[in-house]
Amino acid sequence: QVQLVESGGGLVQAGGSLRLSCSASGSIFSNNVMGWYRQAPGKQRELVAVILSGGSTYYADSLKGRFTISRDNAKNTVYLQMVSLKSEDTAVYFCNLRHPTVVGMDYWGKGTLVTVSS
């Protein structure tokens, strides 16, 4: 099993910045994809960004330029730097770790709430 714990959420004014962290523990497999997803009130969960163990990244088109994903493989931690936050970024942000090809090796954190006040 893999456990994921997010931190860094909170209340921020529009235009501000936040940095989310997600630490993974347990039976972590080295070949993995770590990512961030978010779910706003009344909406479906959506992709924010993912990063492969080798460092390649992929972002939701609408978030490119404002959000940056990174990871520290030695710490089994993934980060999400968010700048120029907007009220529409308000959501619960979830960390995900999965194997790139094996179905079922897919783990989620409990989420951290980001609230952007306008």
N, C-alpha and C. Protein backbone atom coordinates (compact mmCIF):
# COMPACT_ATOMS: atom_id res chain seq x y z
N GLN A 1 0.83 -1.20 0.00
CA GLN A 1 0.00 0.00 0.00
C GLN A 1 0.87 1.26 0.00
N VAL A 2 0.30 2.29 -0.54
CA VAL A 2 0.96 3.59 -0.59
C VAL A 2 0.07 4.60 0.11
N GLN A 3 0.67 5.42 0.93
CA GLN A 3 -0.07 6.49 1.59
C GLN A 3 0.44 7.83 1.07
N LEU A 4 -0.49 8.73 0.83
CA LEU A 4 -0.18 10.06 0.33
C LEU A 4 -0.78 11.09 1.27
N VAL A 5 0.03 12.06 1.66
CA VAL A 5 -0.44 13.10 2.57
C VAL A 5 -0.12 14.46 1.97
N GLU A 6 -1.18 15.23 1.70
CA GLU A 6 -1.02 16.57 1.14
C GLU A 6 -0.93 17.60 2.25
N SER A 7 -0.27 18.70 1.94
CA SER A 7 -0.20 19.83 2.86
C SER A 7 -0.01 21.11 2.05
N GLY A 8 -0.24 22.23 2.73
CA GLY A 8 0.02 23.52 2.10
C GLY A 8 -1.20 24.28 1.64
N GLY A 9 -2.37 23.67 1.74
CA GLY A 9 -3.57 24.38 1.34
C GLY A 9 -3.92 25.47 2.35
N GLY A 10 -4.89 26.28 1.96
CA GLY A 10 -5.33 27.34 2.86
C GLY A 10 -6.06 28.42 2.12
N LEU A 11 -6.22 29.55 2.80
CA LEU A 11 -6.93 30.69 2.26
C LEU A 11 -5.91 31.71 1.74
N VAL A 12 -6.12 32.16 0.51
CA VAL A 12 -5.22 33.13 -0.09
C VAL A 12 -6.04 34.11 -0.90
N GLN A 13 -5.56 35.32 -1.00
CA GLN A 13 -6.25 36.32 -1.80
C GLN A 13 -5.95 36.11 -3.28
N ALA A 14 -6.87 36.55 -4.10
CA ALA A 14 -6.65 36.49 -5.54
C ALA A 14 -5.35 37.21 -5.90
N GLY A 15 -4.58 36.58 -6.78
CA GLY A 15 -3.28 37.12 -7.14
C GLY A 15 -2.14 36.58 -6.32
N GLY A 16 -2.47 35.88 -5.26
CA GLY A 16 -1.45 35.34 -4.37
C GLY A 16 -0.91 34.00 -4.84
N SER A 17 -0.07 33.42 -4.00
CA SER A 17 0.60 32.16 -4.35
C SER A 17 0.47 31.17 -3.21
N LEU A 18 0.55 29.91 -3.57
CA LEU A 18 0.59 28.83 -2.60
C LEU A 18 1.47 27.71 -3.15
N ARG A 19 2.06 26.96 -2.24
CA ARG A 19 2.83 25.79 -2.64
C ARG A 19 2.28 24.57 -1.90
N LEU A 20 1.80 23.62 -2.66
CA LEU A 20 1.31 22.38 -2.09
C LEU A 20 2.40 21.33 -2.10
N SER A 21 2.37 20.48 -1.09
CA SER A 21 3.30 19.36 -1.02
C SER A 21 2.51 18.08 -0.82
N CYS A 22 3.07 17.00 -1.30
CA CYS A 22 2.46 15.68 -1.11
C CYS A 22 3.59 14.68 -0.87
N SER A 23 3.56 14.07 0.30
CA SER A 23 4.58 13.09 0.65
C SER A 23 4.00 11.68 0.55
N ALA A 24 4.74 10.83 -0.11
CA ALA A 24 4.33 9.44 -0.28
C ALA A 24 5.13 8.54 0.64
N SER A 25 4.47 7.53 1.16
CA SER A 25 5.15 6.55 2.00
C SER A 25 4.54 5.17 1.75
N GLY A 26 5.23 4.15 2.24
CA GLY A 26 4.74 2.79 2.06
C GLY A 26 5.50 2.08 0.95
N SER A 27 4.80 1.22 0.25
CA SER A 27 5.41 0.39 -0.79
C SER A 27 5.45 1.14 -2.12
N ILE A 28 6.34 2.11 -2.19
CA ILE A 28 6.42 2.97 -3.38
C ILE A 28 7.25 2.28 -4.45
N PHE A 29 6.73 2.24 -5.64
CA PHE A 29 7.43 1.68 -6.78
C PHE A 29 8.14 2.81 -7.51
N SER A 30 9.36 2.53 -7.97
CA SER A 30 10.20 3.60 -8.49
C SER A 30 9.69 4.18 -9.81
N ASN A 31 9.10 3.35 -10.65
CA ASN A 31 8.56 3.83 -11.92
C ASN A 31 7.12 4.29 -11.68
N ASN A 32 6.95 5.58 -11.49
CA ASN A 32 5.61 6.05 -11.16
C ASN A 32 5.32 7.41 -11.76
N VAL A 33 4.07 7.74 -11.75
CA VAL A 33 3.60 9.06 -12.16
C VAL A 33 2.95 9.69 -10.93
N MET A 34 3.40 10.88 -10.58
CA MET A 34 2.76 11.61 -9.48
C MET A 34 2.06 12.83 -10.04
N GLY A 35 0.95 13.16 -9.45
CA GLY A 35 0.22 14.28 -10.02
C GLY A 35 -0.72 14.95 -9.05
N TRP A 36 -1.27 16.04 -9.52
CA TRP A 36 -2.26 16.79 -8.77
C TRP A 36 -3.53 16.89 -9.59
N TYR A 37 -4.62 16.70 -8.91
CA TYR A 37 -5.94 16.87 -9.48
C TYR A 37 -6.71 17.79 -8.54
N ARG A 38 -7.80 18.36 -9.02
CA ARG A 38 -8.60 19.21 -8.16
C ARG A 38 -10.08 19.01 -8.43
N GLN A 39 -10.85 19.30 -7.41
CA GLN A 39 -12.30 19.20 -7.54
C GLN A 39 -12.94 20.40 -6.88
N ALA A 40 -13.55 21.22 -7.70
CA ALA A 40 -14.26 22.40 -7.21
C ALA A 40 -15.68 22.00 -6.79
N PRO A 41 -16.30 22.79 -5.94
CA PRO A 41 -17.66 22.47 -5.50
C PRO A 41 -18.61 22.29 -6.67
N GLY A 42 -19.30 21.16 -6.68
CA GLY A 42 -20.28 20.90 -7.73
C GLY A 42 -19.70 20.48 -9.07
N LYS A 43 -18.39 20.26 -9.11
CA LYS A 43 -17.76 19.90 -10.38
C LYS A 43 -17.03 18.56 -10.25
N GLN A 44 -16.69 18.02 -11.39
CA GLN A 44 -15.94 16.77 -11.40
C GLN A 44 -14.46 17.02 -11.13
N ARG A 45 -13.81 15.99 -10.65
CA ARG A 45 -12.37 16.09 -10.43
C ARG A 45 -11.68 16.25 -11.79
N GLU A 46 -10.68 17.12 -11.84
CA GLU A 46 -9.98 17.38 -13.09
C GLU A 46 -8.47 17.35 -12.87
N LEU A 47 -7.78 17.05 -13.95
CA LEU A 47 -6.33 17.03 -13.92
C LEU A 47 -5.77 18.44 -13.79
N VAL A 48 -4.75 18.58 -12.93
CA VAL A 48 -4.00 19.82 -12.85
C VAL A 48 -2.66 19.63 -13.56
N ALA A 49 -1.89 18.67 -13.08
CA ALA A 49 -0.57 18.41 -13.67
C ALA A 49 -0.07 17.06 -13.19
N VAL A 50 0.78 16.43 -14.00
CA VAL A 50 1.43 15.20 -13.61
C VAL A 50 2.91 15.30 -13.94
N ILE A 51 3.70 14.49 -13.24
CA ILE A 51 5.13 14.45 -13.48
C ILE A 51 5.60 13.00 -13.37
N LEU A 52 6.37 12.57 -14.35
CA LEU A 52 6.88 11.22 -14.34
C LEU A 52 8.12 11.12 -13.46
N SER A 53 8.51 9.92 -13.12
CA SER A 53 9.67 9.76 -12.25
C SER A 53 10.93 10.30 -12.89
N GLY A 54 10.96 10.35 -14.22
CA GLY A 54 12.11 10.92 -14.92
C GLY A 54 12.08 12.43 -15.05
N GLY A 55 10.95 13.04 -14.66
CA GLY A 55 10.86 14.49 -14.65
C GLY A 55 10.00 15.11 -15.73
N SER A 56 9.53 14.33 -16.68
CA SER A 56 8.65 14.89 -17.71
C SER A 56 7.34 15.33 -17.07
N THR A 57 6.82 16.44 -17.57
CA THR A 57 5.61 17.01 -16.98
C THR A 57 4.51 17.20 -18.02
N TYR A 58 3.29 17.26 -17.52
CA TYR A 58 2.13 17.53 -18.37
C TYR A 58 1.16 18.36 -17.55
N TYR A 59 0.63 19.42 -18.19
CA TYR A 59 -0.28 20.32 -17.50
C TYR A 59 -1.61 20.43 -18.24
N ALA A 60 -2.64 20.69 -17.48
CA ALA A 60 -3.89 21.09 -18.10
C ALA A 60 -3.65 22.40 -18.83
N ASP A 61 -4.14 22.50 -20.03
CA ASP A 61 -3.86 23.66 -20.88
C ASP A 61 -4.20 24.97 -20.18
N SER A 62 -5.30 25.00 -19.46
CA SER A 62 -5.77 26.24 -18.86
C SER A 62 -4.89 26.72 -17.71
N LEU A 63 -4.01 25.84 -17.23
CA LEU A 63 -3.20 26.18 -16.05
C LEU A 63 -1.73 26.41 -16.39
N LYS A 64 -1.36 26.16 -17.62
CA LYS A 64 0.03 26.37 -18.01
C LYS A 64 0.45 27.82 -17.76
N GLY A 65 1.63 27.96 -17.20
CA GLY A 65 2.15 29.29 -16.94
C GLY A 65 1.89 29.80 -15.55
N ARG A 66 0.87 29.25 -14.88
CA ARG A 66 0.59 29.68 -13.51
C ARG A 66 0.94 28.60 -12.49
N PHE A 67 0.87 27.36 -12.90
CA PHE A 67 1.14 26.25 -11.99
C PHE A 67 2.39 25.52 -12.43
N THR A 68 3.20 25.10 -11.48
CA THR A 68 4.42 24.35 -11.77
C THR A 68 4.49 23.14 -10.86
N ILE A 69 4.63 21.97 -11.47
CA ILE A 69 4.77 20.73 -10.71
C ILE A 69 6.24 20.34 -10.68
N SER A 70 6.66 19.81 -9.55
CA SER A 70 8.03 19.32 -9.42
C SER A 70 8.03 18.16 -8.43
N ARG A 71 9.13 17.45 -8.38
CA ARG A 71 9.20 16.33 -7.45
C ARG A 71 10.62 16.15 -6.95
N ASP A 72 10.69 15.57 -5.76
CA ASP A 72 11.97 15.19 -5.16
C ASP A 72 11.90 13.69 -4.94
N ASN A 73 12.54 12.95 -5.82
CA ASN A 73 12.44 11.49 -5.75
C ASN A 73 13.07 10.93 -4.47
N ALA A 74 14.09 11.59 -3.97
CA ALA A 74 14.74 11.12 -2.75
C ALA A 74 13.80 11.23 -1.55
N LYS A 75 12.89 12.19 -1.60
CA LYS A 75 11.94 12.40 -0.51
C LYS A 75 10.56 11.84 -0.83
N ASN A 76 10.41 11.26 -2.02
CA ASN A 76 9.09 10.75 -2.44
C ASN A 76 8.02 11.82 -2.28
N THR A 77 8.35 13.01 -2.72
CA THR A 77 7.46 14.15 -2.53
C THR A 77 7.24 14.87 -3.86
N VAL A 78 6.02 15.28 -4.07
CA VAL A 78 5.67 16.08 -5.24
C VAL A 78 5.13 17.43 -4.77
N TYR A 79 5.43 18.45 -5.53
CA TYR A 79 5.04 19.81 -5.16
C TYR A 79 4.20 20.43 -6.28
N LEU A 80 3.40 21.39 -5.90
CA LEU A 80 2.66 22.18 -6.87
C LEU A 80 2.77 23.64 -6.46
N GLN A 81 3.52 24.39 -7.23
CA GLN A 81 3.64 25.83 -7.01
C GLN A 81 2.56 26.53 -7.82
N MET A 82 1.75 27.32 -7.15
CA MET A 82 0.65 28.01 -7.81
C MET A 82 0.82 29.51 -7.60
N VAL A 83 0.79 30.25 -8.70
CA VAL A 83 0.93 31.70 -8.63
C VAL A 83 -0.26 32.35 -9.34
N SER A 84 -0.41 33.64 -9.10
CA SER A 84 -1.49 34.40 -9.73
C SER A 84 -2.83 33.68 -9.56
N LEU A 85 -3.10 33.28 -8.35
CA LEU A 85 -4.30 32.48 -8.10
C LEU A 85 -5.56 33.29 -8.35
N LYS A 86 -6.58 32.58 -8.83
CA LYS A 86 -7.86 33.18 -9.16
C LYS A 86 -8.95 32.50 -8.33
N SER A 87 -10.07 33.15 -8.21
CA SER A 87 -11.16 32.56 -7.42
C SER A 87 -11.58 31.21 -7.98
N GLU A 88 -11.46 31.04 -9.28
CA GLU A 88 -11.86 29.77 -9.89
C GLU A 88 -10.86 28.64 -9.61
N ASP A 89 -9.75 28.96 -8.96
CA ASP A 89 -8.82 27.91 -8.54
C ASP A 89 -9.25 27.30 -7.20
N THR A 90 -10.26 27.85 -6.59
CA THR A 90 -10.76 27.31 -5.33
C THR A 90 -11.25 25.88 -5.55
N ALA A 91 -10.68 24.96 -4.78
CA ALA A 91 -11.01 23.55 -4.94
C ALA A 91 -10.28 22.74 -3.87
N VAL A 92 -10.65 21.49 -3.77
CA VAL A 92 -9.85 20.54 -3.01
C VAL A 92 -8.83 19.95 -3.98
N TYR A 93 -7.58 20.00 -3.60
CA TYR A 93 -6.50 19.51 -4.44
C TYR A 93 -6.05 18.15 -3.92
N PHE A 94 -6.04 17.18 -4.81
CA PHE A 94 -5.71 15.80 -4.47
C PHE A 94 -4.40 15.39 -5.11
N CYS A 95 -3.61 14.67 -4.35
CA CYS A 95 -2.37 14.10 -4.85
C CYS A 95 -2.65 12.67 -5.33
N ASN A 96 -1.97 12.30 -6.39
CA ASN A 96 -2.14 10.95 -6.95
C ASN A 96 -0.78 10.35 -7.28
N LEU A 97 -0.65 9.08 -7.02
CA LEU A 97 0.53 8.34 -7.43
C LEU A 97 0.06 7.06 -8.11
N ARG A 98 0.57 6.78 -9.28
CA ARG A 98 0.14 5.58 -9.99
C ARG A 98 1.29 5.01 -10.81
N HIS A 99 1.14 3.74 -11.13
CA HIS A 99 2.08 3.12 -12.05
C HIS A 99 1.67 3.53 -13.47
N PRO A 100 2.62 3.81 -14.34
CA PRO A 100 2.26 4.28 -15.68
C PRO A 100 1.54 3.26 -16.55
N THR A 101 1.68 1.97 -16.24
CA THR A 101 1.08 0.97 -17.12
C THR A 101 0.26 -0.09 -16.39
N VAL A 102 0.50 -0.31 -15.12
CA VAL A 102 -0.19 -1.38 -14.40
C VAL A 102 -1.49 -0.87 -13.82
N VAL A 103 -2.57 -1.44 -14.23
CA VAL A 103 -3.89 -1.03 -13.73
C VAL A 103 -4.04 -1.48 -12.28
N GLY A 104 -4.58 -0.60 -11.47
CA GLY A 104 -4.82 -0.94 -10.08
C GLY A 104 -3.78 -0.39 -9.12
N MET A 105 -2.65 -0.02 -9.63
CA MET A 105 -1.62 0.60 -8.78
C MET A 105 -1.82 2.11 -8.88
N ASP A 106 -2.81 2.58 -8.15
CA ASP A 106 -3.30 3.94 -8.29
C ASP A 106 -3.75 4.39 -6.90
N TYR A 107 -3.11 5.41 -6.38
CA TYR A 107 -3.38 5.81 -5.00
C TYR A 107 -3.67 7.31 -4.92
N TRP A 108 -4.52 7.65 -3.93
CA TRP A 108 -4.95 9.04 -3.77
C TRP A 108 -4.75 9.49 -2.34
N GLY A 109 -4.43 10.78 -2.19
CA GLY A 109 -4.46 11.39 -0.88
C GLY A 109 -5.87 11.84 -0.55
N LYS A 110 -6.03 12.38 0.64
CA LYS A 110 -7.36 12.81 1.09
C LYS A 110 -7.69 14.22 0.64
N GLY A 111 -6.71 14.94 0.15
CA GLY A 111 -6.95 16.26 -0.39
C GLY A 111 -6.63 17.38 0.58
N THR A 112 -6.34 18.54 0.01
CA THR A 112 -6.13 19.75 0.79
C THR A 112 -6.90 20.88 0.14
N LEU A 113 -7.60 21.65 0.94
CA LEU A 113 -8.48 22.69 0.42
C LEU A 113 -7.71 23.98 0.15
N VAL A 114 -7.90 24.49 -1.04
CA VAL A 114 -7.37 25.79 -1.42
C VAL A 114 -8.55 26.72 -1.66
N THR A 115 -8.58 27.82 -0.96
CA THR A 115 -9.65 28.80 -1.12
C THR A 115 -9.03 30.12 -1.52
N VAL A 116 -9.46 30.63 -2.66
CA VAL A 116 -8.95 31.90 -3.17
C VAL A 116 -10.06 32.93 -3.06
N SER A 117 -9.82 33.95 -2.28
CA SER A 117 -10.82 34.98 -2.07
C SER A 117 -10.60 36.13 -3.06
N SER A 118 -11.72 36.63 -3.56
CA SER A 118 -11.62 37.71 -4.55
C SER A 118 -11.80 39.07 -3.92
